[in-house]
Amino acid sequence: MEDWSPVARAEDLPVGRAIVVQHEGEAVAVFNIEGRLFACSEHCPHAGGPLHLGLLRGTTVVCPWHGWNFDLDPATAPPRDGALRYLVRLQDGQILLRTKVAPSSE
């Protein structure tokens, strides 16, 4: 059985915005990109920059501190950039997160 946890209401995250939520004791940035939801670690693995404040370029967020890029789309190759990704879904007006997807060690 999959464990999904509600972290916010859908109305709290308008299109083109990001919020920070707590999930499994971690700060997680959740993005609404053209109506699609994505989530990753809030803190950049390079220097701890706040990713929810980063510039969005398609499904890539650019860290506002040093310009590191993180592709948020789970359809791409497994991440090798050190940021954790989370599975996200919308159900009954709630944003739900599931167990984190660890970066690849390859």
N, C-alpha and C. Protein backbone atom coordinates (compact mmCIF):
# COMPACT_ATOMS: atom_id res chain seq x y z
N MET A 1 0.84 -1.18 0.00
CA MET A 1 0.00 0.00 0.00
C MET A 1 0.88 1.25 0.00
N GLU A 2 0.51 2.20 -0.81
CA GLU A 2 1.27 3.44 -0.90
C GLU A 2 0.82 4.40 0.20
N ASP A 3 1.77 5.06 0.83
CA ASP A 3 1.44 6.04 1.87
C ASP A 3 1.59 7.44 1.31
N TRP A 4 0.48 8.13 1.17
CA TRP A 4 0.47 9.52 0.71
C TRP A 4 0.08 10.39 1.89
N SER A 5 0.75 11.51 2.07
CA SER A 5 0.47 12.42 3.19
C SER A 5 0.00 13.77 2.67
N PRO A 6 -1.12 14.27 3.19
CA PRO A 6 -1.56 15.61 2.80
C PRO A 6 -0.62 16.66 3.40
N VAL A 7 -0.22 17.63 2.56
CA VAL A 7 0.72 18.65 3.04
C VAL A 7 0.20 20.08 2.86
N ALA A 8 -0.81 20.25 1.98
CA ALA A 8 -1.35 21.59 1.73
C ALA A 8 -2.66 21.46 0.96
N ARG A 9 -3.40 22.54 0.93
CA ARG A 9 -4.61 22.59 0.10
C ARG A 9 -4.21 23.07 -1.29
N ALA A 10 -4.86 22.57 -2.30
CA ALA A 10 -4.57 22.97 -3.67
C ALA A 10 -4.69 24.48 -3.85
N GLU A 11 -5.64 25.08 -3.17
CA GLU A 11 -5.85 26.53 -3.29
C GLU A 11 -4.67 27.34 -2.73
N ASP A 12 -3.82 26.71 -1.94
CA ASP A 12 -2.64 27.39 -1.38
C ASP A 12 -1.50 27.51 -2.38
N LEU A 13 -1.64 26.87 -3.55
CA LEU A 13 -0.55 26.82 -4.52
C LEU A 13 -1.04 27.18 -5.92
N PRO A 14 -1.15 28.48 -6.22
CA PRO A 14 -1.59 28.88 -7.56
C PRO A 14 -0.56 28.54 -8.63
N VAL A 15 -1.01 28.48 -9.86
CA VAL A 15 -0.13 28.20 -11.00
C VAL A 15 1.01 29.22 -11.03
N GLY A 16 2.22 28.70 -11.28
CA GLY A 16 3.40 29.56 -11.37
C GLY A 16 4.04 29.88 -10.03
N ARG A 17 3.56 29.28 -8.97
CA ARG A 17 4.09 29.58 -7.63
C ARG A 17 4.68 28.33 -6.99
N ALA A 18 5.34 28.55 -5.85
CA ALA A 18 5.91 27.45 -5.07
C ALA A 18 5.65 27.74 -3.60
N ILE A 19 5.54 26.68 -2.82
CA ILE A 19 5.40 26.80 -1.37
C ILE A 19 6.36 25.81 -0.71
N VAL A 20 6.60 26.03 0.57
CA VAL A 20 7.41 25.10 1.36
C VAL A 20 6.47 24.40 2.33
N VAL A 21 6.58 23.08 2.38
CA VAL A 21 5.77 22.28 3.29
C VAL A 21 6.71 21.37 4.09
N GLN A 22 6.18 20.77 5.12
CA GLN A 22 6.93 19.78 5.90
C GLN A 22 6.39 18.40 5.56
N HIS A 23 7.31 17.46 5.28
CA HIS A 23 6.91 16.09 4.97
C HIS A 23 8.00 15.16 5.50
N GLU A 24 7.59 14.23 6.35
CA GLU A 24 8.53 13.26 6.94
C GLU A 24 9.72 13.97 7.59
N GLY A 25 9.46 15.10 8.24
CA GLY A 25 10.50 15.83 8.95
C GLY A 25 11.41 16.66 8.06
N GLU A 26 11.09 16.77 6.78
CA GLU A 26 11.92 17.51 5.82
C GLU A 26 11.16 18.71 5.27
N ALA A 27 11.89 19.78 4.98
CA ALA A 27 11.32 20.91 4.26
C ALA A 27 11.32 20.56 2.77
N VAL A 28 10.15 20.67 2.15
CA VAL A 28 9.98 20.29 0.75
C VAL A 28 9.39 21.47 -0.01
N ALA A 29 9.97 21.78 -1.17
CA ALA A 29 9.44 22.81 -2.05
C ALA A 29 8.46 22.14 -3.01
N VAL A 30 7.24 22.68 -3.09
CA VAL A 30 6.23 22.15 -4.00
C VAL A 30 5.93 23.25 -5.02
N PHE A 31 5.97 22.88 -6.30
CA PHE A 31 5.81 23.82 -7.40
C PHE A 31 4.56 23.49 -8.20
N ASN A 32 3.85 24.53 -8.64
CA ASN A 32 2.74 24.36 -9.57
C ASN A 32 3.18 24.97 -10.89
N ILE A 33 3.54 24.12 -11.83
CA ILE A 33 4.05 24.56 -13.13
C ILE A 33 2.99 24.23 -14.18
N GLU A 34 2.31 25.27 -14.63
CA GLU A 34 1.26 25.11 -15.65
C GLU A 34 0.24 24.06 -15.24
N GLY A 35 -0.11 24.03 -13.95
CA GLY A 35 -1.12 23.11 -13.45
C GLY A 35 -0.60 21.73 -13.06
N ARG A 36 0.69 21.47 -13.30
CA ARG A 36 1.32 20.21 -12.88
C ARG A 36 2.10 20.45 -11.60
N LEU A 37 2.02 19.51 -10.67
CA LEU A 37 2.70 19.64 -9.38
C LEU A 37 3.99 18.84 -9.36
N PHE A 38 5.03 19.46 -8.79
CA PHE A 38 6.34 18.84 -8.65
C PHE A 38 6.85 19.16 -7.24
N ALA A 39 7.73 18.31 -6.71
CA ALA A 39 8.29 18.57 -5.38
C ALA A 39 9.72 18.06 -5.28
N CYS A 40 10.53 18.83 -4.55
CA CYS A 40 11.93 18.45 -4.30
C CYS A 40 12.35 19.03 -2.96
N SER A 41 13.55 18.65 -2.53
CA SER A 41 14.10 19.23 -1.29
C SER A 41 14.03 20.75 -1.38
N GLU A 42 13.73 21.38 -0.28
CA GLU A 42 13.69 22.84 -0.26
C GLU A 42 15.09 23.44 -0.34
N HIS A 43 16.07 22.75 0.23
CA HIS A 43 17.41 23.31 0.32
C HIS A 43 18.33 22.74 -0.77
N CYS A 44 18.95 23.62 -1.52
CA CYS A 44 19.89 23.22 -2.56
C CYS A 44 21.03 22.42 -1.91
N PRO A 45 21.40 21.28 -2.49
CA PRO A 45 22.48 20.48 -1.91
C PRO A 45 23.85 21.14 -1.99
N HIS A 46 24.00 22.18 -2.79
CA HIS A 46 25.28 22.87 -2.93
C HIS A 46 25.58 23.74 -1.72
N ALA A 47 24.67 24.69 -1.44
CA ALA A 47 24.93 25.62 -0.33
C ALA A 47 23.68 25.94 0.49
N GLY A 48 22.63 25.14 0.32
CA GLY A 48 21.43 25.31 1.13
C GLY A 48 20.47 26.40 0.67
N GLY A 49 20.62 26.88 -0.55
CA GLY A 49 19.74 27.92 -1.07
C GLY A 49 18.28 27.49 -1.08
N PRO A 50 17.35 28.45 -0.94
CA PRO A 50 15.92 28.15 -0.89
C PRO A 50 15.35 27.92 -2.30
N LEU A 51 15.16 26.66 -2.66
CA LEU A 51 14.74 26.35 -4.03
C LEU A 51 13.35 26.87 -4.35
N HIS A 52 12.48 27.02 -3.35
CA HIS A 52 11.14 27.54 -3.68
C HIS A 52 11.19 28.98 -4.19
N LEU A 53 12.30 29.66 -3.98
CA LEU A 53 12.46 31.03 -4.48
C LEU A 53 13.20 31.07 -5.82
N GLY A 54 13.55 29.91 -6.34
CA GLY A 54 14.31 29.84 -7.58
C GLY A 54 13.51 30.20 -8.81
N LEU A 55 14.22 30.54 -9.85
CA LEU A 55 13.62 30.85 -11.15
C LEU A 55 13.21 29.55 -11.82
N LEU A 56 11.99 29.54 -12.36
CA LEU A 56 11.52 28.36 -13.08
C LEU A 56 11.74 28.55 -14.57
N ARG A 57 12.33 27.53 -15.18
CA ARG A 57 12.51 27.47 -16.63
C ARG A 57 11.91 26.14 -17.07
N GLY A 58 10.67 26.17 -17.51
CA GLY A 58 9.96 24.91 -17.79
C GLY A 58 9.83 24.14 -16.50
N THR A 59 10.29 22.89 -16.49
CA THR A 59 10.23 22.09 -15.26
C THR A 59 11.55 22.09 -14.51
N THR A 60 12.40 23.05 -14.81
CA THR A 60 13.68 23.17 -14.11
C THR A 60 13.63 24.37 -13.18
N VAL A 61 14.09 24.17 -11.94
CA VAL A 61 14.22 25.29 -11.00
C VAL A 61 15.70 25.62 -10.88
N VAL A 62 16.00 26.92 -10.88
CA VAL A 62 17.38 27.41 -10.77
C VAL A 62 17.56 27.99 -9.38
N CYS A 63 18.52 27.47 -8.62
CA CYS A 63 18.77 27.96 -7.27
C CYS A 63 19.08 29.45 -7.31
N PRO A 64 18.42 30.24 -6.45
CA PRO A 64 18.64 31.68 -6.47
C PRO A 64 20.01 32.11 -5.93
N TRP A 65 20.72 31.24 -5.26
CA TRP A 65 22.01 31.63 -4.68
C TRP A 65 23.18 31.45 -5.65
N HIS A 66 23.27 30.31 -6.31
CA HIS A 66 24.44 30.05 -7.14
C HIS A 66 24.12 29.49 -8.52
N GLY A 67 22.84 29.45 -8.88
CA GLY A 67 22.46 29.08 -10.23
C GLY A 67 22.46 27.60 -10.56
N TRP A 68 22.54 26.73 -9.55
CA TRP A 68 22.46 25.30 -9.85
C TRP A 68 21.07 24.98 -10.37
N ASN A 69 20.96 24.05 -11.33
CA ASN A 69 19.69 23.69 -11.97
C ASN A 69 19.23 22.32 -11.50
N PHE A 70 17.91 22.19 -11.30
CA PHE A 70 17.31 20.93 -10.87
C PHE A 70 16.06 20.67 -11.71
N ASP A 71 16.08 19.59 -12.49
CA ASP A 71 14.92 19.21 -13.28
C ASP A 71 13.93 18.51 -12.34
N LEU A 72 12.73 19.00 -12.30
CA LEU A 72 11.72 18.48 -11.38
C LEU A 72 10.86 17.38 -11.97
N ASP A 73 10.93 17.19 -13.28
CA ASP A 73 10.04 16.25 -13.97
C ASP A 73 10.48 14.81 -13.74
N PRO A 74 9.61 13.99 -13.13
CA PRO A 74 9.98 12.59 -12.86
C PRO A 74 10.11 11.75 -14.13
N ALA A 75 9.64 12.27 -15.25
CA ALA A 75 9.73 11.53 -16.51
C ALA A 75 11.14 11.56 -17.09
N THR A 76 12.00 12.41 -16.57
CA THR A 76 13.38 12.49 -17.05
C THR A 76 14.22 11.42 -16.38
N ALA A 77 15.47 11.34 -16.76
CA ALA A 77 16.39 10.36 -16.17
C ALA A 77 16.48 10.58 -14.66
N PRO A 78 16.84 9.54 -13.90
CA PRO A 78 16.98 9.69 -12.44
C PRO A 78 17.94 10.84 -12.11
N PRO A 79 17.56 11.64 -11.11
CA PRO A 79 18.41 12.78 -10.76
C PRO A 79 19.77 12.36 -10.21
N ARG A 80 20.78 13.11 -10.59
CA ARG A 80 22.14 12.85 -10.09
C ARG A 80 22.72 14.13 -9.51
N ASP A 81 21.85 15.01 -9.08
CA ASP A 81 22.29 16.33 -8.65
C ASP A 81 22.25 16.53 -7.14
N GLY A 82 21.88 15.51 -6.39
CA GLY A 82 21.88 15.61 -4.94
C GLY A 82 20.58 16.07 -4.31
N ALA A 83 19.62 16.55 -5.11
CA ALA A 83 18.33 16.99 -4.57
C ALA A 83 17.36 15.81 -4.54
N LEU A 84 16.61 15.70 -3.46
CA LEU A 84 15.60 14.66 -3.36
C LEU A 84 14.35 15.09 -4.11
N ARG A 85 13.71 14.15 -4.80
CA ARG A 85 12.43 14.41 -5.46
C ARG A 85 11.35 13.67 -4.69
N TYR A 86 10.15 14.20 -4.72
CA TYR A 86 9.01 13.59 -4.06
C TYR A 86 7.90 13.37 -5.08
N LEU A 87 7.16 12.30 -4.91
CA LEU A 87 6.00 12.06 -5.75
C LEU A 87 4.86 12.93 -5.23
N VAL A 88 4.11 13.53 -6.14
CA VAL A 88 3.05 14.47 -5.77
C VAL A 88 1.77 14.10 -6.50
N ARG A 89 0.65 14.26 -5.82
CA ARG A 89 -0.64 14.13 -6.50
C ARG A 89 -1.66 15.03 -5.81
N LEU A 90 -2.73 15.26 -6.54
CA LEU A 90 -3.83 16.09 -6.06
C LEU A 90 -5.04 15.18 -5.86
N GLN A 91 -5.65 15.27 -4.69
CA GLN A 91 -6.82 14.43 -4.41
C GLN A 91 -7.77 15.19 -3.49
N ASP A 92 -8.99 15.32 -3.92
CA ASP A 92 -10.03 15.98 -3.11
C ASP A 92 -9.58 17.35 -2.60
N GLY A 93 -8.91 18.11 -3.45
CA GLY A 93 -8.49 19.45 -3.10
C GLY A 93 -7.25 19.52 -2.22
N GLN A 94 -6.63 18.39 -1.98
CA GLN A 94 -5.43 18.32 -1.14
C GLN A 94 -4.21 17.97 -1.98
N ILE A 95 -3.07 18.57 -1.66
CA ILE A 95 -1.79 18.19 -2.27
C ILE A 95 -1.20 17.10 -1.38
N LEU A 96 -0.90 15.96 -1.99
CA LEU A 96 -0.35 14.82 -1.26
C LEU A 96 1.07 14.54 -1.73
N LEU A 97 1.93 14.17 -0.79
CA LEU A 97 3.30 13.76 -1.11
C LEU A 97 3.50 12.32 -0.68
N ARG A 98 4.36 11.64 -1.41
CA ARG A 98 4.72 10.26 -1.06
C ARG A 98 6.23 10.17 -0.85
N THR A 99 6.64 9.07 -0.29
CA THR A 99 8.04 8.83 0.03
C THR A 99 8.98 9.43 -0.98
N LYS A 100 10.03 10.02 -0.48
CA LYS A 100 11.00 10.70 -1.34
C LYS A 100 11.70 9.75 -2.31
N VAL A 101 12.10 10.32 -3.41
CA VAL A 101 12.85 9.60 -4.43
C VAL A 101 14.28 10.08 -4.32
N ALA A 102 15.17 9.23 -3.88
CA ALA A 102 16.55 9.62 -3.63
C ALA A 102 17.31 9.86 -4.93
N PRO A 103 18.29 10.75 -4.91
CA PRO A 103 19.11 10.95 -6.10
C PRO A 103 19.93 9.71 -6.40
N SER A 104 20.22 9.53 -7.65
CA SER A 104 21.01 8.38 -8.08
C SER A 104 22.45 8.53 -7.60
N SER A 105 23.08 7.43 -7.29
CA SER A 105 24.49 7.49 -6.86
C SER A 105 25.42 7.14 -8.00
N GLU A 106 24.87 6.93 -9.19
CA GLU A 106 25.71 6.57 -10.34
C GLU A 106 26.52 7.74 -10.83
